[in-house]
Structures are given as structure tokens and as C-alpha cells.
Amino acid sequence: MPALGLRRKVILLVEDDPATRELYCSALRQLGGFAVVPVSDGAEALRYLEMDSPDAVVLDLQLPRVSGRDVLAEIAAQSPRVPVVVVTGDDTADLDPNHYACVIRKPAHLEDVIAALRKCLASLT
């Protein structure tokens, strides 16, 4: 829980699998102390990003409607200071390393995702 007067960091969680999304959401809130905005596909992520800017993004690459790769490219173009933690089982050899903070392979340990987010957010302050 953040100290009085401090805002919790907002994480945009982009994951299409409902069980995985709920697990990550709960862990990020309870263990990480983050405020979480969960979305289930790339189109929802892009709509959110048009309205608001999160402190960081946890992004799967295999998404319906709009791919995670396209979401990643849009974040890099529109909000390059927003760190992105890619959590995926996909091959990431074709990703531009300037567009993300780190890649965590699925199945991911939630502690690793939280640690990566904390490291990314600490580097921004």
C-alpha cells in the first residue's frame, strides 16, 4: 500500500487469456501494490492508450484483433517513455529492443514480472 499522498503506479495489463489475465491482475495488485487496468486484446489496449498513459505496460504478443507487436509499435511511436514488459511464449527475435524494457518467457513467474516492473519504474524516477 502506498504512503499517504503517493499515487499507485498504473499498469496496463494486455492479456487475452482470462485465467492468466486474472492471475496477473491479482498478483500485480496484491503483491506489487499497483493499480491495474486489464484489457483482453490489442484493440482495447490502443483505445485505452488514446485516452490515458499508464506508468508501464505488461504485454502479451499473441492477441486477437490487433497483435501485441502492433501495440508495441504504437506505444514506441506515441509514448516511448512508457516501459513495456513483454510476457510471451512467442519468438521475439524480430522485436526492436528499443521498444521494450524486457522480455519474460511464458510460463512466467509472477515475481519476475513484478520485479521487472519495479526496475522499469525506478529507472524513470
N, C-alpha and C. Protein backbone atom coordinates (compact mmCIF):
# COMPACT_ATOMS: atom_id res chain seq x y z
N MET A 1 0.85 -1.18 0.00
CA MET A 1 0.00 0.00 0.00
C MET A 1 0.89 1.24 0.00
N PRO A 2 0.63 2.20 -0.88
CA PRO A 2 1.46 3.40 -0.96
C PRO A 2 1.27 4.31 0.24
N ALA A 3 2.29 5.09 0.51
CA ALA A 3 2.21 6.06 1.59
C ALA A 3 1.16 7.11 1.25
N LEU A 4 0.65 7.76 2.28
CA LEU A 4 -0.37 8.79 2.09
C LEU A 4 0.12 9.84 1.11
N GLY A 5 -0.71 10.18 0.15
CA GLY A 5 -0.37 11.22 -0.81
C GLY A 5 0.38 10.71 -2.04
N LEU A 6 0.84 9.45 -2.01
CA LEU A 6 1.52 8.90 -3.18
C LEU A 6 0.55 8.10 -4.02
N ARG A 7 0.59 8.31 -5.31
CA ARG A 7 -0.29 7.62 -6.23
C ARG A 7 0.30 6.26 -6.59
N ARG A 8 -0.57 5.25 -6.60
CA ARG A 8 -0.11 3.93 -7.03
C ARG A 8 0.19 3.97 -8.52
N LYS A 9 1.22 3.29 -8.94
CA LYS A 9 1.59 3.23 -10.35
C LYS A 9 0.53 2.43 -11.11
N VAL A 10 0.15 2.94 -12.27
CA VAL A 10 -0.88 2.31 -13.10
C VAL A 10 -0.22 1.43 -14.15
N ILE A 11 -0.62 0.16 -14.17
CA ILE A 11 -0.10 -0.81 -15.12
C ILE A 11 -1.22 -1.19 -16.07
N LEU A 12 -0.97 -1.06 -17.36
CA LEU A 12 -1.90 -1.56 -18.38
C LEU A 12 -1.51 -3.01 -18.63
N LEU A 13 -2.41 -3.93 -18.32
CA LEU A 13 -2.17 -5.36 -18.49
C LEU A 13 -2.92 -5.83 -19.74
N VAL A 14 -2.19 -6.26 -20.76
CA VAL A 14 -2.79 -6.68 -22.02
C VAL A 14 -2.56 -8.18 -22.19
N GLU A 15 -3.61 -8.95 -21.92
CA GLU A 15 -3.54 -10.41 -21.94
C GLU A 15 -4.90 -10.95 -22.36
N ASP A 16 -4.93 -11.81 -23.39
CA ASP A 16 -6.21 -12.30 -23.89
C ASP A 16 -6.75 -13.51 -23.14
N ASP A 17 -5.91 -14.28 -22.48
CA ASP A 17 -6.39 -15.46 -21.74
C ASP A 17 -7.00 -15.01 -20.41
N PRO A 18 -8.30 -15.27 -20.20
CA PRO A 18 -8.97 -14.77 -18.99
C PRO A 18 -8.34 -15.25 -17.68
N ALA A 19 -7.97 -16.51 -17.61
CA ALA A 19 -7.38 -17.03 -16.36
C ALA A 19 -6.02 -16.39 -16.09
N THR A 20 -5.21 -16.27 -17.12
CA THR A 20 -3.89 -15.64 -16.96
C THR A 20 -4.05 -14.17 -16.61
N ARG A 21 -4.97 -13.50 -17.29
CA ARG A 21 -5.20 -12.07 -17.01
C ARG A 21 -5.62 -11.86 -15.56
N GLU A 22 -6.53 -12.69 -15.05
CA GLU A 22 -6.98 -12.57 -13.66
C GLU A 22 -5.85 -12.86 -12.68
N LEU A 23 -5.05 -13.88 -12.97
CA LEU A 23 -3.92 -14.23 -12.10
C LEU A 23 -2.92 -13.07 -12.04
N TYR A 24 -2.54 -12.54 -13.20
CA TYR A 24 -1.61 -11.41 -13.24
C TYR A 24 -2.19 -10.19 -12.55
N CYS A 25 -3.46 -9.93 -12.82
CA CYS A 25 -4.12 -8.76 -12.24
C CYS A 25 -4.09 -8.83 -10.71
N SER A 26 -4.46 -9.97 -10.17
CA SER A 26 -4.46 -10.13 -8.71
C SER A 26 -3.06 -9.98 -8.13
N ALA A 27 -2.09 -10.62 -8.76
CA ALA A 27 -0.71 -10.56 -8.25
C ALA A 27 -0.15 -9.14 -8.33
N LEU A 28 -0.40 -8.47 -9.44
CA LEU A 28 0.11 -7.10 -9.59
C LEU A 28 -0.50 -6.17 -8.55
N ARG A 29 -1.77 -6.38 -8.25
CA ARG A 29 -2.43 -5.55 -7.23
C ARG A 29 -1.97 -5.91 -5.82
N GLN A 30 -2.01 -7.19 -5.49
CA GLN A 30 -1.74 -7.62 -4.12
C GLN A 30 -0.26 -7.66 -3.79
N LEU A 31 0.54 -8.28 -4.65
CA LEU A 31 1.97 -8.41 -4.37
C LEU A 31 2.77 -7.19 -4.81
N GLY A 32 2.33 -6.58 -5.92
CA GLY A 32 3.08 -5.45 -6.45
C GLY A 32 2.61 -4.10 -5.96
N GLY A 33 1.37 -4.03 -5.46
CA GLY A 33 0.83 -2.76 -4.99
C GLY A 33 0.48 -1.80 -6.11
N PHE A 34 0.27 -2.33 -7.32
CA PHE A 34 -0.03 -1.49 -8.47
C PHE A 34 -1.53 -1.34 -8.66
N ALA A 35 -1.93 -0.27 -9.32
CA ALA A 35 -3.28 -0.14 -9.86
C ALA A 35 -3.21 -0.78 -11.25
N VAL A 36 -4.16 -1.63 -11.58
CA VAL A 36 -4.09 -2.39 -12.83
C VAL A 36 -5.32 -2.11 -13.69
N VAL A 37 -5.06 -1.85 -14.97
CA VAL A 37 -6.12 -1.72 -15.96
C VAL A 37 -5.99 -2.94 -16.88
N PRO A 38 -6.84 -3.95 -16.70
CA PRO A 38 -6.74 -5.14 -17.55
C PRO A 38 -7.55 -5.00 -18.82
N VAL A 39 -6.97 -5.38 -19.96
CA VAL A 39 -7.68 -5.42 -21.22
C VAL A 39 -7.39 -6.76 -21.90
N SER A 40 -8.32 -7.19 -22.77
CA SER A 40 -8.23 -8.54 -23.31
C SER A 40 -7.73 -8.63 -24.75
N ASP A 41 -7.52 -7.51 -25.41
CA ASP A 41 -6.99 -7.58 -26.77
C ASP A 41 -6.28 -6.28 -27.15
N GLY A 42 -5.61 -6.33 -28.30
CA GLY A 42 -4.84 -5.18 -28.75
C GLY A 42 -5.66 -3.95 -29.06
N ALA A 43 -6.88 -4.15 -29.57
CA ALA A 43 -7.74 -3.00 -29.88
C ALA A 43 -8.13 -2.26 -28.61
N GLU A 44 -8.47 -3.01 -27.55
CA GLU A 44 -8.79 -2.38 -26.26
C GLU A 44 -7.58 -1.62 -25.73
N ALA A 45 -6.40 -2.21 -25.87
CA ALA A 45 -5.18 -1.55 -25.40
C ALA A 45 -4.98 -0.22 -26.12
N LEU A 46 -5.15 -0.23 -27.42
CA LEU A 46 -4.97 1.02 -28.19
C LEU A 46 -6.00 2.07 -27.82
N ARG A 47 -7.25 1.64 -27.57
CA ARG A 47 -8.28 2.59 -27.14
C ARG A 47 -7.90 3.22 -25.79
N TYR A 48 -7.43 2.40 -24.86
CA TYR A 48 -7.01 2.93 -23.56
C TYR A 48 -5.86 3.93 -23.75
N LEU A 49 -4.90 3.58 -24.56
CA LEU A 49 -3.73 4.44 -24.76
C LEU A 49 -4.08 5.76 -25.43
N GLU A 50 -5.18 5.80 -26.19
CA GLU A 50 -5.65 7.06 -26.76
C GLU A 50 -6.17 8.00 -25.69
N MET A 51 -6.73 7.43 -24.61
CA MET A 51 -7.35 8.23 -23.55
C MET A 51 -6.42 8.53 -22.39
N ASP A 52 -5.46 7.65 -22.12
CA ASP A 52 -4.63 7.79 -20.92
C ASP A 52 -3.27 7.16 -21.17
N SER A 53 -2.33 7.50 -20.32
CA SER A 53 -0.99 6.93 -20.41
C SER A 53 -0.66 6.22 -19.11
N PRO A 54 -0.47 4.91 -19.16
CA PRO A 54 -0.12 4.18 -17.93
C PRO A 54 1.33 4.46 -17.57
N ASP A 55 1.70 4.04 -16.36
CA ASP A 55 3.10 4.16 -15.95
C ASP A 55 3.96 3.08 -16.61
N ALA A 56 3.34 1.91 -16.90
CA ALA A 56 4.03 0.81 -17.57
C ALA A 56 2.98 -0.12 -18.17
N VAL A 57 3.44 -1.00 -19.05
CA VAL A 57 2.57 -1.95 -19.74
C VAL A 57 3.14 -3.35 -19.60
N VAL A 58 2.27 -4.32 -19.30
CA VAL A 58 2.61 -5.74 -19.39
C VAL A 58 1.86 -6.24 -20.61
N LEU A 59 2.59 -6.76 -21.59
CA LEU A 59 2.02 -7.03 -22.91
C LEU A 59 2.31 -8.43 -23.40
N ASP A 60 1.25 -9.16 -23.73
CA ASP A 60 1.37 -10.43 -24.45
C ASP A 60 1.48 -10.08 -25.94
N LEU A 61 2.15 -10.92 -26.72
CA LEU A 61 2.27 -10.63 -28.15
C LEU A 61 1.17 -11.27 -28.98
N GLN A 62 0.65 -12.41 -28.54
CA GLN A 62 -0.41 -13.09 -29.28
C GLN A 62 -1.75 -12.60 -28.77
N LEU A 63 -2.32 -11.66 -29.51
CA LEU A 63 -3.59 -11.05 -29.11
C LEU A 63 -4.56 -11.07 -30.28
N PRO A 64 -5.86 -11.15 -29.97
CA PRO A 64 -6.85 -11.04 -31.04
C PRO A 64 -7.01 -9.58 -31.48
N ARG A 65 -7.56 -9.41 -32.67
CA ARG A 65 -7.93 -8.13 -33.26
C ARG A 65 -6.73 -7.28 -33.68
N VAL A 66 -5.89 -6.91 -32.75
CA VAL A 66 -4.67 -6.16 -33.05
C VAL A 66 -3.53 -6.88 -32.32
N SER A 67 -2.49 -7.22 -33.03
CA SER A 67 -1.41 -8.01 -32.42
C SER A 67 -0.64 -7.22 -31.37
N GLY A 68 -0.01 -7.94 -30.48
CA GLY A 68 0.84 -7.31 -29.48
C GLY A 68 2.01 -6.57 -30.11
N ARG A 69 2.49 -7.08 -31.23
CA ARG A 69 3.58 -6.40 -31.94
C ARG A 69 3.13 -5.01 -32.42
N ASP A 70 1.89 -4.94 -32.92
CA ASP A 70 1.36 -3.64 -33.36
C ASP A 70 1.14 -2.70 -32.18
N VAL A 71 0.68 -3.24 -31.06
CA VAL A 71 0.51 -2.42 -29.85
C VAL A 71 1.87 -1.90 -29.40
N LEU A 72 2.87 -2.77 -29.40
CA LEU A 72 4.22 -2.38 -29.00
C LEU A 72 4.75 -1.25 -29.90
N ALA A 73 4.55 -1.38 -31.20
CA ALA A 73 5.00 -0.34 -32.14
C ALA A 73 4.28 0.99 -31.88
N GLU A 74 2.99 0.91 -31.58
CA GLU A 74 2.22 2.13 -31.29
C GLU A 74 2.69 2.80 -30.01
N ILE A 75 2.96 2.00 -28.98
CA ILE A 75 3.48 2.57 -27.72
C ILE A 75 4.83 3.24 -27.99
N ALA A 76 5.69 2.58 -28.76
CA ALA A 76 7.01 3.15 -29.06
C ALA A 76 6.88 4.47 -29.82
N ALA A 77 5.89 4.55 -30.71
CA ALA A 77 5.71 5.76 -31.51
C ALA A 77 5.07 6.89 -30.71
N GLN A 78 4.06 6.56 -29.91
CA GLN A 78 3.27 7.59 -29.21
C GLN A 78 3.74 7.90 -27.80
N SER A 79 4.25 6.89 -27.10
CA SER A 79 4.62 7.05 -25.69
C SER A 79 5.93 6.33 -25.40
N PRO A 80 7.02 6.75 -26.02
CA PRO A 80 8.28 6.00 -25.90
C PRO A 80 8.85 5.92 -24.48
N ARG A 81 8.40 6.77 -23.58
CA ARG A 81 8.90 6.72 -22.20
C ARG A 81 8.16 5.69 -21.35
N VAL A 82 7.04 5.16 -21.84
CA VAL A 82 6.29 4.16 -21.09
C VAL A 82 6.99 2.81 -21.26
N PRO A 83 7.52 2.24 -20.16
CA PRO A 83 8.20 0.95 -20.28
C PRO A 83 7.22 -0.19 -20.53
N VAL A 84 7.64 -1.12 -21.38
CA VAL A 84 6.82 -2.27 -21.73
C VAL A 84 7.56 -3.53 -21.34
N VAL A 85 6.89 -4.37 -20.53
CA VAL A 85 7.39 -5.69 -20.18
C VAL A 85 6.61 -6.67 -21.04
N VAL A 86 7.29 -7.31 -21.98
CA VAL A 86 6.67 -8.29 -22.86
C VAL A 86 6.70 -9.63 -22.14
N VAL A 87 5.53 -10.25 -21.99
CA VAL A 87 5.42 -11.57 -21.37
C VAL A 87 4.80 -12.48 -22.43
N THR A 88 5.61 -13.39 -22.99
CA THR A 88 5.15 -14.16 -24.14
C THR A 88 5.88 -15.48 -24.29
N GLY A 89 5.28 -16.36 -25.03
CA GLY A 89 5.92 -17.59 -25.44
C GLY A 89 6.39 -17.50 -26.88
N ASP A 90 6.08 -16.39 -27.54
CA ASP A 90 6.45 -16.18 -28.95
C ASP A 90 7.94 -15.92 -29.12
N ASP A 91 8.41 -16.12 -30.34
CA ASP A 91 9.76 -15.74 -30.71
C ASP A 91 9.82 -14.22 -30.76
N THR A 92 10.80 -13.64 -30.13
CA THR A 92 10.90 -12.18 -30.08
C THR A 92 12.12 -11.66 -30.83
N ALA A 93 12.75 -12.52 -31.65
CA ALA A 93 13.97 -12.12 -32.35
C ALA A 93 13.74 -10.92 -33.27
N ASP A 94 12.51 -10.76 -33.77
CA ASP A 94 12.24 -9.66 -34.70
C ASP A 94 11.83 -8.36 -34.02
N LEU A 95 11.76 -8.35 -32.70
CA LEU A 95 11.35 -7.14 -31.98
C LEU A 95 12.51 -6.17 -31.84
N ASP A 96 12.22 -4.90 -31.98
CA ASP A 96 13.22 -3.85 -31.79
C ASP A 96 13.47 -3.71 -30.29
N PRO A 97 14.67 -3.98 -29.80
CA PRO A 97 14.94 -3.90 -28.36
C PRO A 97 14.77 -2.50 -27.78
N ASN A 98 14.68 -1.49 -28.63
CA ASN A 98 14.43 -0.13 -28.15
C ASN A 98 12.96 0.10 -27.80
N HIS A 99 12.10 -0.85 -28.15
CA HIS A 99 10.67 -0.68 -27.94
C HIS A 99 10.15 -1.34 -26.66
N TYR A 100 10.98 -2.08 -25.95
CA TYR A 100 10.52 -2.74 -24.73
C TYR A 100 11.62 -2.73 -23.67
N ALA A 101 11.20 -2.87 -22.42
CA ALA A 101 12.16 -2.88 -21.32
C ALA A 101 12.77 -4.25 -21.12
N CYS A 102 11.95 -5.29 -21.23
CA CYS A 102 12.45 -6.65 -21.10
C CYS A 102 11.42 -7.64 -21.64
N VAL A 103 11.89 -8.87 -21.85
CA VAL A 103 11.03 -9.97 -22.28
C VAL A 103 11.10 -11.04 -21.22
N ILE A 104 9.93 -11.51 -20.80
CA ILE A 104 9.84 -12.62 -19.87
C ILE A 104 9.08 -13.73 -20.59
N ARG A 105 9.65 -14.91 -20.58
CA ARG A 105 9.05 -16.06 -21.28
C ARG A 105 7.94 -16.69 -20.46
N LYS A 106 6.87 -17.08 -21.16
CA LYS A 106 5.79 -17.84 -20.53
C LYS A 106 6.20 -19.31 -20.50
N PRO A 107 5.83 -20.03 -19.47
CA PRO A 107 5.07 -19.57 -18.31
C PRO A 107 5.96 -18.70 -17.42
N ALA A 108 5.46 -17.55 -17.08
CA ALA A 108 6.23 -16.56 -16.33
C ALA A 108 5.99 -16.70 -14.84
N HIS A 109 7.03 -16.46 -14.07
CA HIS A 109 6.89 -16.36 -12.62
C HIS A 109 6.42 -14.95 -12.31
N LEU A 110 5.36 -14.82 -11.58
CA LEU A 110 4.79 -13.50 -11.30
C LEU A 110 5.77 -12.60 -10.57
N GLU A 111 6.61 -13.18 -9.74
CA GLU A 111 7.61 -12.38 -9.04
C GLU A 111 8.57 -11.72 -10.03
N ASP A 112 8.86 -12.42 -11.14
CA ASP A 112 9.75 -11.86 -12.16
C ASP A 112 9.09 -10.68 -12.88
N VAL A 113 7.80 -10.79 -13.14
CA VAL A 113 7.07 -9.71 -13.79
C VAL A 113 7.04 -8.49 -12.87
N ILE A 114 6.75 -8.70 -11.60
CA ILE A 114 6.70 -7.60 -10.63
C ILE A 114 8.07 -6.96 -10.48
N ALA A 115 9.11 -7.79 -10.39
CA ALA A 115 10.47 -7.24 -10.26
C ALA A 115 10.85 -6.42 -11.50
N ALA A 116 10.47 -6.91 -12.69
CA ALA A 116 10.78 -6.17 -13.91
C ALA A 116 10.06 -4.82 -13.93
N LEU A 117 8.80 -4.81 -13.52
CA LEU A 117 8.04 -3.55 -13.47
C LEU A 117 8.67 -2.57 -12.48
N ARG A 118 9.01 -3.05 -11.31
CA ARG A 118 9.63 -2.18 -10.30
C ARG A 118 10.95 -1.60 -10.82
N LYS A 119 11.75 -2.43 -11.48
CA LYS A 119 13.03 -1.94 -12.03
C LYS A 119 12.79 -0.88 -13.10
N CYS A 120 11.82 -1.14 -13.98
CA CYS A 120 11.49 -0.17 -15.04
C CYS A 120 11.03 1.15 -14.45
N LEU A 121 10.14 1.07 -13.50
CA LEU A 121 9.56 2.28 -12.90
C LEU A 121 10.61 3.05 -12.09
N ALA A 122 11.51 2.34 -11.42
CA ALA A 122 12.56 3.01 -10.65
C ALA A 122 13.53 3.74 -11.58
N SER A 123 13.72 3.22 -12.78
CA SER A 123 14.65 3.88 -13.71
C SER A 123 14.08 5.17 -14.27
N LEU A 124 12.77 5.36 -14.14
CA LEU A 124 12.14 6.58 -14.65
C LEU A 124 12.19 7.73 -13.65
N THR A 125 12.45 7.43 -12.40
CA THR A 125 12.44 8.49 -11.38
C THR A 125 13.78 9.10 -11.16
